[in-house]
Amino acid sequence: MDRTGMKKFIQSLSADEASRVLKCMLDNDHTLIKKAYETAVRVAGDVDADIIMDRVFNRLDRLDLDDLNGRAGRTRYGYIEPTDAAWELFEEALDPFIDEMKKNQKRGLAAAAKAHCIGIVRGLWQYEEGSSSDFAGWVEDAPGEYIDTVVEEWKKGNPSSEDIAEVMSFARGDRL
């Protein structure tokens, strides 16, 4: 099979199959480990704050009153206030972004964690200023409060004072 055919076959593998292929290759050829590690660090560390901002805004802006109505009111466990339900939905929408930021911190990818933090903060500002969804009225104060929460979580990774100053300028809305 020629190189093009081999490449097409490899690209047709499922994520699970590709993962197993990589594991076999690394188990059988230890010279590939350094190259795979360097590539993994480069790929995992390639975080674009603008993309994160758009994803945060879109995820929050997709929340609607149907989501809220499905969560609030009488349940078999009691009554859930609509405002409480709205905040829970808001938090749940942000959790994956915050988790990814923390994962980058644990991996030692400080620049990626900072880019994630900036993207989340900018997405929250964009939501506060630009969302026209009816749901946004239920969580008017949430974006501002969560900016503080996100920044405090990011600071747990012990960033440099220069990075803190940069992130704080986004958190204050100075640099959007």
N, C-alpha and C. Protein backbone atom coordinates (compact mmCIF):
# COMPACT_ATOMS: atom_id res chain seq x y z
N MET A 1 0.86 -1.17 0.00
CA MET A 1 0.00 0.00 0.00
C MET A 1 0.91 1.24 0.00
N ASP A 2 0.53 2.24 -0.77
CA ASP A 2 1.34 3.46 -0.84
C ASP A 2 1.06 4.35 0.38
N ARG A 3 1.88 5.38 0.55
CA ARG A 3 1.81 6.28 1.70
C ARG A 3 0.43 6.93 1.84
N THR A 4 -0.16 7.37 0.72
CA THR A 4 -1.48 8.00 0.75
C THR A 4 -2.54 7.03 1.25
N GLY A 5 -2.48 5.79 0.78
CA GLY A 5 -3.43 4.78 1.22
C GLY A 5 -3.28 4.45 2.69
N MET A 6 -2.02 4.37 3.15
CA MET A 6 -1.78 4.11 4.57
C MET A 6 -2.33 5.26 5.42
N LYS A 7 -2.10 6.49 4.98
CA LYS A 7 -2.57 7.66 5.72
C LYS A 7 -4.10 7.66 5.80
N LYS A 8 -4.75 7.36 4.69
CA LYS A 8 -6.22 7.31 4.67
C LYS A 8 -6.75 6.24 5.62
N PHE A 9 -6.08 5.08 5.62
CA PHE A 9 -6.51 4.01 6.51
C PHE A 9 -6.37 4.44 7.97
N ILE A 10 -5.24 5.02 8.31
CA ILE A 10 -5.02 5.47 9.69
C ILE A 10 -6.05 6.51 10.08
N GLN A 11 -6.35 7.45 9.18
CA GLN A 11 -7.34 8.49 9.47
C GLN A 11 -8.75 7.93 9.63
N SER A 12 -8.98 6.74 9.10
CA SER A 12 -10.32 6.13 9.21
C SER A 12 -10.52 5.42 10.54
N LEU A 13 -9.48 5.31 11.36
CA LEU A 13 -9.60 4.62 12.64
C LEU A 13 -10.48 5.41 13.60
N SER A 14 -11.19 4.71 14.44
CA SER A 14 -11.96 5.37 15.50
C SER A 14 -10.97 5.91 16.53
N ALA A 15 -11.45 6.76 17.42
CA ALA A 15 -10.58 7.31 18.47
C ALA A 15 -10.02 6.20 19.34
N ASP A 16 -10.84 5.20 19.65
CA ASP A 16 -10.38 4.08 20.47
C ASP A 16 -9.30 3.28 19.73
N GLU A 17 -9.52 3.01 18.45
CA GLU A 17 -8.52 2.27 17.67
C GLU A 17 -7.22 3.06 17.57
N ALA A 18 -7.32 4.35 17.32
CA ALA A 18 -6.12 5.18 17.21
C ALA A 18 -5.36 5.21 18.53
N SER A 19 -6.08 5.26 19.63
CA SER A 19 -5.45 5.25 20.95
C SER A 19 -4.71 3.93 21.18
N ARG A 20 -5.32 2.82 20.78
CA ARG A 20 -4.67 1.52 20.93
C ARG A 20 -3.44 1.40 20.04
N VAL A 21 -3.50 1.95 18.84
CA VAL A 21 -2.35 1.94 17.94
C VAL A 21 -1.20 2.71 18.56
N LEU A 22 -1.49 3.90 19.08
CA LEU A 22 -0.45 4.72 19.70
C LEU A 22 0.15 4.00 20.90
N LYS A 23 -0.69 3.40 21.72
CA LYS A 23 -0.19 2.68 22.89
C LYS A 23 0.74 1.54 22.45
N CYS A 24 0.35 0.78 21.46
CA CYS A 24 1.20 -0.31 20.96
C CYS A 24 2.53 0.22 20.43
N MET A 25 2.46 1.31 19.68
CA MET A 25 3.69 1.89 19.13
C MET A 25 4.63 2.34 20.25
N LEU A 26 4.09 2.99 21.26
CA LEU A 26 4.92 3.47 22.36
C LEU A 26 5.45 2.33 23.21
N ASP A 27 4.66 1.27 23.36
CA ASP A 27 5.12 0.10 24.12
C ASP A 27 6.25 -0.63 23.39
N ASN A 28 6.21 -0.60 22.06
CA ASN A 28 7.16 -1.38 21.27
C ASN A 28 8.35 -0.58 20.74
N ASP A 29 8.28 0.73 20.79
CA ASP A 29 9.38 1.55 20.27
C ASP A 29 9.59 2.73 21.21
N HIS A 30 10.49 2.54 22.17
CA HIS A 30 10.71 3.54 23.21
C HIS A 30 11.33 4.84 22.68
N THR A 31 11.85 4.83 21.46
CA THR A 31 12.39 6.06 20.89
C THR A 31 11.27 7.04 20.52
N LEU A 32 10.06 6.54 20.39
CA LEU A 32 8.93 7.40 20.04
C LEU A 32 8.34 8.16 21.23
N ILE A 33 8.67 7.73 22.44
CA ILE A 33 8.05 8.33 23.62
C ILE A 33 8.34 9.83 23.71
N LYS A 34 9.59 10.23 23.54
CA LYS A 34 9.93 11.64 23.64
C LYS A 34 9.20 12.46 22.58
N LYS A 35 9.19 11.96 21.36
CA LYS A 35 8.51 12.67 20.28
C LYS A 35 7.00 12.76 20.54
N ALA A 36 6.41 11.66 21.01
CA ALA A 36 4.97 11.66 21.32
C ALA A 36 4.67 12.62 22.47
N TYR A 37 5.55 12.64 23.48
CA TYR A 37 5.36 13.55 24.61
C TYR A 37 5.43 15.00 24.14
N GLU A 38 6.42 15.35 23.37
CA GLU A 38 6.57 16.72 22.88
C GLU A 38 5.37 17.14 22.03
N THR A 39 4.88 16.22 21.21
CA THR A 39 3.71 16.51 20.39
C THR A 39 2.47 16.67 21.27
N ALA A 40 2.33 15.82 22.27
CA ALA A 40 1.18 15.90 23.18
C ALA A 40 1.18 17.22 23.94
N VAL A 41 2.35 17.65 24.40
CA VAL A 41 2.44 18.93 25.12
C VAL A 41 2.07 20.08 24.19
N ARG A 42 2.56 20.01 22.96
CA ARG A 42 2.25 21.08 21.99
C ARG A 42 0.76 21.12 21.69
N VAL A 43 0.15 19.98 21.46
CA VAL A 43 -1.28 19.91 21.13
C VAL A 43 -2.13 20.33 22.33
N ALA A 44 -1.83 19.79 23.51
CA ALA A 44 -2.62 20.12 24.70
C ALA A 44 -2.44 21.58 25.10
N GLY A 45 -1.28 22.14 24.82
CA GLY A 45 -1.00 23.51 25.20
C GLY A 45 -1.48 24.55 24.21
N ASP A 46 -2.00 24.10 23.08
CA ASP A 46 -2.45 25.02 22.03
C ASP A 46 -3.89 25.44 22.32
N VAL A 47 -4.05 26.43 23.17
CA VAL A 47 -5.37 26.91 23.58
C VAL A 47 -5.55 28.33 23.07
N ASP A 48 -6.65 28.57 22.39
CA ASP A 48 -6.95 29.89 21.84
C ASP A 48 -8.04 30.52 22.69
N ALA A 49 -7.70 31.61 23.38
CA ALA A 49 -8.66 32.28 24.28
C ALA A 49 -9.91 32.73 23.53
N ASP A 50 -9.77 33.14 22.27
CA ASP A 50 -10.94 33.58 21.50
C ASP A 50 -11.91 32.43 21.27
N ILE A 51 -11.38 31.25 21.00
CA ILE A 51 -12.24 30.08 20.80
C ILE A 51 -12.95 29.73 22.10
N ILE A 52 -12.21 29.76 23.21
CA ILE A 52 -12.83 29.47 24.52
C ILE A 52 -13.91 30.50 24.82
N MET A 53 -13.63 31.78 24.55
CA MET A 53 -14.62 32.84 24.77
C MET A 53 -15.91 32.53 24.00
N ASP A 54 -15.78 32.20 22.73
CA ASP A 54 -16.96 31.91 21.91
C ASP A 54 -17.71 30.70 22.43
N ARG A 55 -16.99 29.67 22.85
CA ARG A 55 -17.64 28.46 23.36
C ARG A 55 -18.38 28.74 24.66
N VAL A 56 -17.76 29.51 25.55
CA VAL A 56 -18.41 29.87 26.81
C VAL A 56 -19.68 30.66 26.52
N PHE A 57 -19.56 31.70 25.71
CA PHE A 57 -20.73 32.52 25.39
C PHE A 57 -21.83 31.65 24.77
N ASN A 58 -21.50 30.85 23.78
CA ASN A 58 -22.51 30.04 23.09
C ASN A 58 -23.16 29.03 24.03
N ARG A 59 -22.35 28.42 24.91
CA ARG A 59 -22.90 27.44 25.85
C ARG A 59 -23.89 28.12 26.80
N LEU A 60 -23.52 29.28 27.31
CA LEU A 60 -24.41 30.00 28.23
C LEU A 60 -25.63 30.54 27.50
N ASP A 61 -25.42 31.06 26.30
CA ASP A 61 -26.52 31.68 25.56
C ASP A 61 -27.54 30.65 25.07
N ARG A 62 -27.15 29.38 25.02
CA ARG A 62 -28.10 28.32 24.64
C ARG A 62 -29.04 27.95 25.78
N LEU A 63 -28.69 28.33 27.01
CA LEU A 63 -29.60 28.06 28.12
C LEU A 63 -30.87 28.86 27.89
N ASP A 64 -32.00 28.21 28.12
CA ASP A 64 -33.26 28.93 27.88
C ASP A 64 -34.27 28.61 28.97
N LEU A 65 -35.43 29.20 28.83
CA LEU A 65 -36.46 29.02 29.85
C LEU A 65 -36.97 27.59 29.92
N ASP A 66 -36.89 26.85 28.83
CA ASP A 66 -37.27 25.44 28.89
C ASP A 66 -36.34 24.67 29.82
N ASP A 67 -35.04 24.99 29.73
CA ASP A 67 -34.08 24.36 30.65
C ASP A 67 -34.44 24.70 32.09
N LEU A 68 -34.74 25.97 32.32
CA LEU A 68 -35.08 26.43 33.67
C LEU A 68 -36.37 25.78 34.16
N ASN A 69 -37.38 25.75 33.32
CA ASN A 69 -38.66 25.15 33.71
C ASN A 69 -38.52 23.66 34.00
N GLY A 70 -37.60 23.01 33.30
CA GLY A 70 -37.38 21.59 33.55
C GLY A 70 -36.68 21.32 34.87
N ARG A 71 -36.04 22.31 35.41
CA ARG A 71 -35.27 22.14 36.64
C ARG A 71 -35.98 22.72 37.86
N ALA A 72 -36.75 23.79 37.67
CA ALA A 72 -37.36 24.50 38.79
C ALA A 72 -38.75 23.96 39.10
N GLY A 73 -39.23 24.32 40.27
CA GLY A 73 -40.58 23.94 40.67
C GLY A 73 -40.60 22.71 41.55
N ARG A 74 -41.75 22.08 41.55
CA ARG A 74 -41.92 20.89 42.38
C ARG A 74 -41.16 19.71 41.79
N THR A 75 -40.49 19.02 42.68
CA THR A 75 -39.83 17.76 42.32
C THR A 75 -40.19 16.74 43.38
N ARG A 76 -39.82 15.54 43.17
CA ARG A 76 -40.13 14.53 44.18
C ARG A 76 -39.27 14.72 45.43
N TYR A 77 -38.27 15.60 45.34
CA TYR A 77 -37.41 15.88 46.49
C TYR A 77 -37.78 17.19 47.18
N GLY A 78 -38.80 17.86 46.71
CA GLY A 78 -39.20 19.13 47.29
C GLY A 78 -39.38 20.18 46.20
N TYR A 79 -39.21 21.43 46.58
CA TYR A 79 -39.41 22.53 45.66
C TYR A 79 -38.07 23.20 45.40
N ILE A 80 -37.78 23.48 44.12
CA ILE A 80 -36.55 24.19 43.75
C ILE A 80 -36.95 25.55 43.21
N GLU A 81 -36.44 26.58 43.87
CA GLU A 81 -36.70 27.95 43.44
C GLU A 81 -36.13 28.17 42.03
N PRO A 82 -36.85 28.90 41.18
CA PRO A 82 -36.34 29.16 39.83
C PRO A 82 -34.97 29.82 39.81
N THR A 83 -34.74 30.76 40.70
CA THR A 83 -33.44 31.43 40.73
C THR A 83 -32.33 30.44 41.08
N ASP A 84 -32.58 29.56 42.05
CA ASP A 84 -31.59 28.55 42.41
C ASP A 84 -31.33 27.62 41.23
N ALA A 85 -32.38 27.23 40.56
CA ALA A 85 -32.24 26.35 39.40
C ALA A 85 -31.44 27.03 38.29
N ALA A 86 -31.71 28.31 38.08
CA ALA A 86 -31.00 29.05 37.04
C ALA A 86 -29.51 29.11 37.35
N TRP A 87 -29.16 29.38 38.59
CA TRP A 87 -27.75 29.44 38.97
C TRP A 87 -27.09 28.07 38.82
N GLU A 88 -27.81 27.00 39.18
CA GLU A 88 -27.27 25.65 39.00
C GLU A 88 -26.98 25.38 37.53
N LEU A 89 -27.91 25.73 36.66
CA LEU A 89 -27.72 25.53 35.23
C LEU A 89 -26.53 26.34 34.72
N PHE A 90 -26.41 27.56 35.19
CA PHE A 90 -25.30 28.42 34.81
C PHE A 90 -23.97 27.79 35.23
N GLU A 91 -23.89 27.34 36.47
CA GLU A 91 -22.68 26.70 36.98
C GLU A 91 -22.33 25.45 36.19
N GLU A 92 -23.33 24.63 35.92
CA GLU A 92 -23.09 23.39 35.19
C GLU A 92 -22.59 23.66 33.78
N ALA A 93 -23.05 24.75 33.17
CA ALA A 93 -22.59 25.10 31.84
C ALA A 93 -21.12 25.52 31.86
N LEU A 94 -20.68 26.15 32.94
CA LEU A 94 -19.29 26.61 33.05
C LEU A 94 -18.33 25.53 33.53
N ASP A 95 -18.83 24.54 34.26
CA ASP A 95 -17.96 23.53 34.86
C ASP A 95 -16.96 22.89 33.90
N PRO A 96 -17.35 22.48 32.70
CA PRO A 96 -16.36 21.84 31.82
C PRO A 96 -15.20 22.76 31.44
N PHE A 97 -15.47 24.04 31.31
CA PHE A 97 -14.42 24.99 30.96
C PHE A 97 -13.45 25.18 32.13
N ILE A 98 -14.00 25.28 33.33
CA ILE A 98 -13.17 25.43 34.52
C ILE A 98 -12.37 24.15 34.75
N ASP A 99 -12.99 23.00 34.54
CA ASP A 99 -12.28 21.73 34.69
C ASP A 99 -11.11 21.62 33.72
N GLU A 100 -11.31 22.07 32.50
CA GLU A 100 -10.23 22.03 31.51
C GLU A 100 -9.10 22.97 31.91
N MET A 101 -9.43 24.12 32.43
CA MET A 101 -8.42 25.06 32.92
C MET A 101 -7.59 24.41 34.04
N LYS A 102 -8.28 23.77 34.99
CA LYS A 102 -7.59 23.10 36.10
C LYS A 102 -6.72 21.95 35.59
N LYS A 103 -7.23 21.22 34.60
CA LYS A 103 -6.46 20.11 34.04
C LYS A 103 -5.15 20.62 33.44
N ASN A 104 -5.22 21.73 32.75
CA ASN A 104 -4.00 22.31 32.19
C ASN A 104 -3.04 22.74 33.30
N GLN A 105 -3.56 23.26 34.39
CA GLN A 105 -2.70 23.62 35.51
C GLN A 105 -2.00 22.39 36.07
N LYS A 106 -2.76 21.32 36.28
CA LYS A 106 -2.18 20.08 36.83
C LYS A 106 -1.12 19.50 35.90
N ARG A 107 -1.30 19.68 34.62
CA ARG A 107 -0.33 19.18 33.64
C ARG A 107 0.91 20.06 33.54
N GLY A 108 0.88 21.20 34.20
CA GLY A 108 2.00 22.12 34.13
C GLY A 108 1.98 23.00 32.89
N LEU A 109 0.82 23.14 32.27
CA LEU A 109 0.67 23.96 31.06
C LEU A 109 0.12 25.32 31.47
N ALA A 110 1.00 26.12 32.07
CA ALA A 110 0.59 27.42 32.62
C ALA A 110 0.01 28.34 31.56
N ALA A 111 0.62 28.41 30.38
CA ALA A 111 0.12 29.30 29.33
C ALA A 111 -1.26 28.86 28.85
N ALA A 112 -1.47 27.56 28.75
CA ALA A 112 -2.77 27.05 28.33
C ALA A 112 -3.83 27.34 29.39
N ALA A 113 -3.47 27.18 30.66
CA ALA A 113 -4.41 27.48 31.75
C ALA A 113 -4.77 28.97 31.74
N LYS A 114 -3.77 29.82 31.52
CA LYS A 114 -4.02 31.26 31.47
C LYS A 114 -4.93 31.59 30.29
N ALA A 115 -4.67 31.01 29.13
CA ALA A 115 -5.51 31.26 27.96
C ALA A 115 -6.94 30.80 28.22
N HIS A 116 -7.09 29.66 28.89
CA HIS A 116 -8.42 29.19 29.26
C HIS A 116 -9.11 30.19 30.18
N CYS A 117 -8.39 30.64 31.18
CA CYS A 117 -8.96 31.60 32.14
C CYS A 117 -9.41 32.86 31.41
N ILE A 118 -8.55 33.40 30.57
CA ILE A 118 -8.89 34.62 29.83
C ILE A 118 -10.11 34.37 28.94
N GLY A 119 -10.14 33.24 28.27
CA GLY A 119 -11.27 32.92 27.40
C GLY A 119 -12.58 32.81 28.16
N ILE A 120 -12.52 32.16 29.33
CA ILE A 120 -13.73 32.03 30.15
C ILE A 120 -14.20 33.41 30.61
N VAL A 121 -13.26 34.21 31.11
CA VAL A 121 -13.61 35.55 31.60
C VAL A 121 -14.22 36.38 30.48
N ARG A 122 -13.59 36.36 29.32
CA ARG A 122 -14.12 37.14 28.20
C ARG A 122 -15.48 36.63 27.76
N GLY A 123 -15.68 35.30 27.80
CA GLY A 123 -16.99 34.73 27.47
C GLY A 123 -18.06 35.16 28.45
N LEU A 124 -17.70 35.24 29.72
CA LEU A 124 -18.65 35.71 30.74
C LEU A 124 -19.00 37.17 30.51
N TRP A 125 -18.00 38.01 30.21
CA TRP A 125 -18.29 39.41 29.90
C TRP A 125 -19.19 39.52 28.68
N GLN A 126 -18.88 38.73 27.67
CA GLN A 126 -19.68 38.78 26.44
C GLN A 126 -21.13 38.37 26.75
N TYR A 127 -21.30 37.36 27.59
CA TYR A 127 -22.65 36.92 27.95
C TYR A 127 -23.38 38.01 28.72
N GLU A 128 -22.68 38.62 29.68
CA GLU A 128 -23.31 39.67 30.48
C GLU A 128 -23.73 40.85 29.61
N GLU A 129 -22.91 41.19 28.65
CA GLU A 129 -23.17 42.37 27.83
C GLU A 129 -24.00 42.09 26.58
N GLY A 130 -23.95 40.85 26.09
CA GLY A 130 -24.54 40.61 24.78
C GLY A 130 -25.62 39.57 24.67
N SER A 131 -25.94 38.89 25.76
CA SER A 131 -26.98 37.86 25.66
C SER A 131 -28.35 38.50 25.61
N SER A 132 -29.16 38.02 24.70
CA SER A 132 -30.54 38.51 24.63
C SER A 132 -31.52 37.40 25.04
N SER A 133 -30.98 36.33 25.61
CA SER A 133 -31.87 35.23 26.00
C SER A 133 -32.68 35.61 27.23
N ASP A 134 -33.87 35.08 27.32
CA ASP A 134 -34.72 35.31 28.49
C ASP A 134 -34.09 34.71 29.75
N PHE A 135 -33.34 33.63 29.55
CA PHE A 135 -32.69 32.97 30.69
C PHE A 135 -31.72 33.92 31.40
N ALA A 136 -31.03 34.77 30.65
CA ALA A 136 -30.01 35.67 31.22
C ALA A 136 -30.59 36.53 32.33
N GLY A 137 -31.85 36.86 32.24
CA GLY A 137 -32.48 37.67 33.28
C GLY A 137 -32.55 36.97 34.63
N TRP A 138 -32.48 35.67 34.62
CA TRP A 138 -32.53 34.90 35.87
C TRP A 138 -31.16 34.82 36.55
N VAL A 139 -30.11 35.15 35.82
CA VAL A 139 -28.75 35.05 36.36
C VAL A 139 -27.96 36.33 36.13
N GLU A 140 -28.63 37.46 36.31
CA GLU A 140 -28.01 38.76 36.00
C GLU A 140 -26.66 38.96 36.69
N ASP A 141 -26.53 38.55 37.92
CA ASP A 141 -25.29 38.78 38.67
C ASP A 141 -24.27 37.65 38.50
N ALA A 142 -24.68 36.56 37.91
CA ALA A 142 -23.81 35.38 37.83
C ALA A 142 -22.53 35.62 37.04
N PRO A 143 -22.57 36.26 35.87
CA PRO A 143 -21.31 36.43 35.14
C PRO A 143 -20.24 37.15 35.96
N GLY A 144 -20.60 38.24 36.59
CA GLY A 144 -19.64 38.99 37.40
C GLY A 144 -19.09 38.17 38.56
N GLU A 145 -19.98 37.44 39.23
CA GLU A 145 -19.53 36.61 40.35
C GLU A 145 -18.64 35.48 39.87
N TYR A 146 -18.97 34.91 38.72
CA TYR A 146 -18.17 33.79 38.23
C TYR A 146 -16.84 34.22 37.64
N ILE A 147 -16.74 35.46 37.21
CA ILE A 147 -15.43 35.96 36.80
C ILE A 147 -14.48 35.87 37.99
N ASP A 148 -14.92 36.31 39.15
CA ASP A 148 -14.10 36.23 40.35
C ASP A 148 -13.76 34.77 40.69
N THR A 149 -14.75 33.90 40.59
CA THR A 149 -14.55 32.48 40.90
C THR A 149 -13.52 31.87 39.96
N VAL A 150 -13.65 32.15 38.67
CA VAL A 150 -12.73 31.58 37.68
C VAL A 150 -11.31 32.07 37.94
N VAL A 151 -11.15 33.36 38.18
CA VAL A 151 -9.82 33.92 38.42
C VAL A 151 -9.22 33.32 39.70
N GLU A 152 -10.02 33.19 40.74
CA GLU A 152 -9.50 32.62 41.99
C GLU A 152 -9.07 31.16 41.79
N GLU A 153 -9.84 30.40 41.04
CA GLU A 153 -9.46 29.02 40.74
C GLU A 153 -8.14 28.98 39.97
N TRP A 154 -8.01 29.86 38.98
CA TRP A 154 -6.79 29.91 38.17
C TRP A 154 -5.58 30.29 39.03
N LYS A 155 -5.77 31.21 39.96
CA LYS A 155 -4.67 31.65 40.82
C LYS A 155 -4.12 30.52 41.69
N LYS A 156 -4.93 29.49 41.94
CA LYS A 156 -4.46 28.35 42.73
C LYS A 156 -3.30 27.63 42.05
N GLY A 157 -3.12 27.87 40.76
CA GLY A 157 -2.01 27.28 40.03
C GLY A 157 -0.71 28.06 40.18
N ASN A 158 -0.70 29.07 41.05
CA ASN A 158 0.49 29.89 41.33
C ASN A 158 1.09 30.54 40.08
N PRO A 159 0.29 31.31 39.36
CA PRO A 159 0.81 32.00 38.18
C PRO A 159 1.76 33.13 38.59
N SER A 160 2.51 33.62 37.62
CA SER A 160 3.43 34.73 37.87
C SER A 160 2.64 36.01 38.13
N SER A 161 3.29 36.98 38.75
CA SER A 161 2.62 38.26 39.01
C SER A 161 2.27 38.97 37.71
N GLU A 162 3.09 38.79 36.66
CA GLU A 162 2.78 39.38 35.36
C GLU A 162 1.53 38.76 34.76
N ASP A 163 1.41 37.44 34.87
CA ASP A 163 0.21 36.76 34.35
C ASP A 163 -1.03 37.18 35.14
N ILE A 164 -0.88 37.32 36.45
CA ILE A 164 -2.02 37.75 37.27
C ILE A 164 -2.47 39.13 36.84
N ALA A 165 -1.52 40.03 36.64
CA ALA A 165 -1.87 41.39 36.21
C ALA A 165 -2.60 41.37 34.87
N GLU A 166 -2.13 40.53 33.94
CA GLU A 166 -2.79 40.44 32.63
C GLU A 166 -4.21 39.91 32.75
N VAL A 167 -4.37 38.83 33.49
CA VAL A 167 -5.69 38.23 33.66
C VAL A 167 -6.63 39.20 34.39
N MET A 168 -6.11 39.90 35.38
CA MET A 168 -6.94 40.85 36.11
C MET A 168 -7.44 41.98 35.22
N SER A 169 -6.65 42.36 34.22
CA SER A 169 -7.12 43.41 33.31
C SER A 169 -8.31 42.92 32.50
N PHE A 170 -8.34 41.63 32.18
CA PHE A 170 -9.51 41.06 31.50
C PHE A 170 -10.68 40.96 32.48
N ALA A 171 -10.37 40.55 33.73
CA ALA A 171 -11.43 40.36 34.72
C ALA A 171 -12.13 41.68 35.04
N ARG A 172 -11.39 42.76 35.02
CA ARG A 172 -11.98 44.08 35.28
C ARG A 172 -12.70 44.62 34.04
N GLY A 173 -12.50 43.98 32.91
CA GLY A 173 -13.13 44.43 31.68
C GLY A 173 -12.31 45.47 30.95
N ASP A 174 -11.07 45.67 31.38
CA ASP A 174 -10.21 46.65 30.72
C ASP A 174 -9.82 46.22 29.31
N ARG A 175 -9.65 44.90 29.15
CA ARG A 175 -9.15 44.37 27.87
C ARG A 175 -10.11 43.30 27.36
N LEU A 176 -11.02 43.69 26.57
CA LEU A 176 -11.94 42.71 25.99
C LEU A 176 -11.75 42.70 24.51
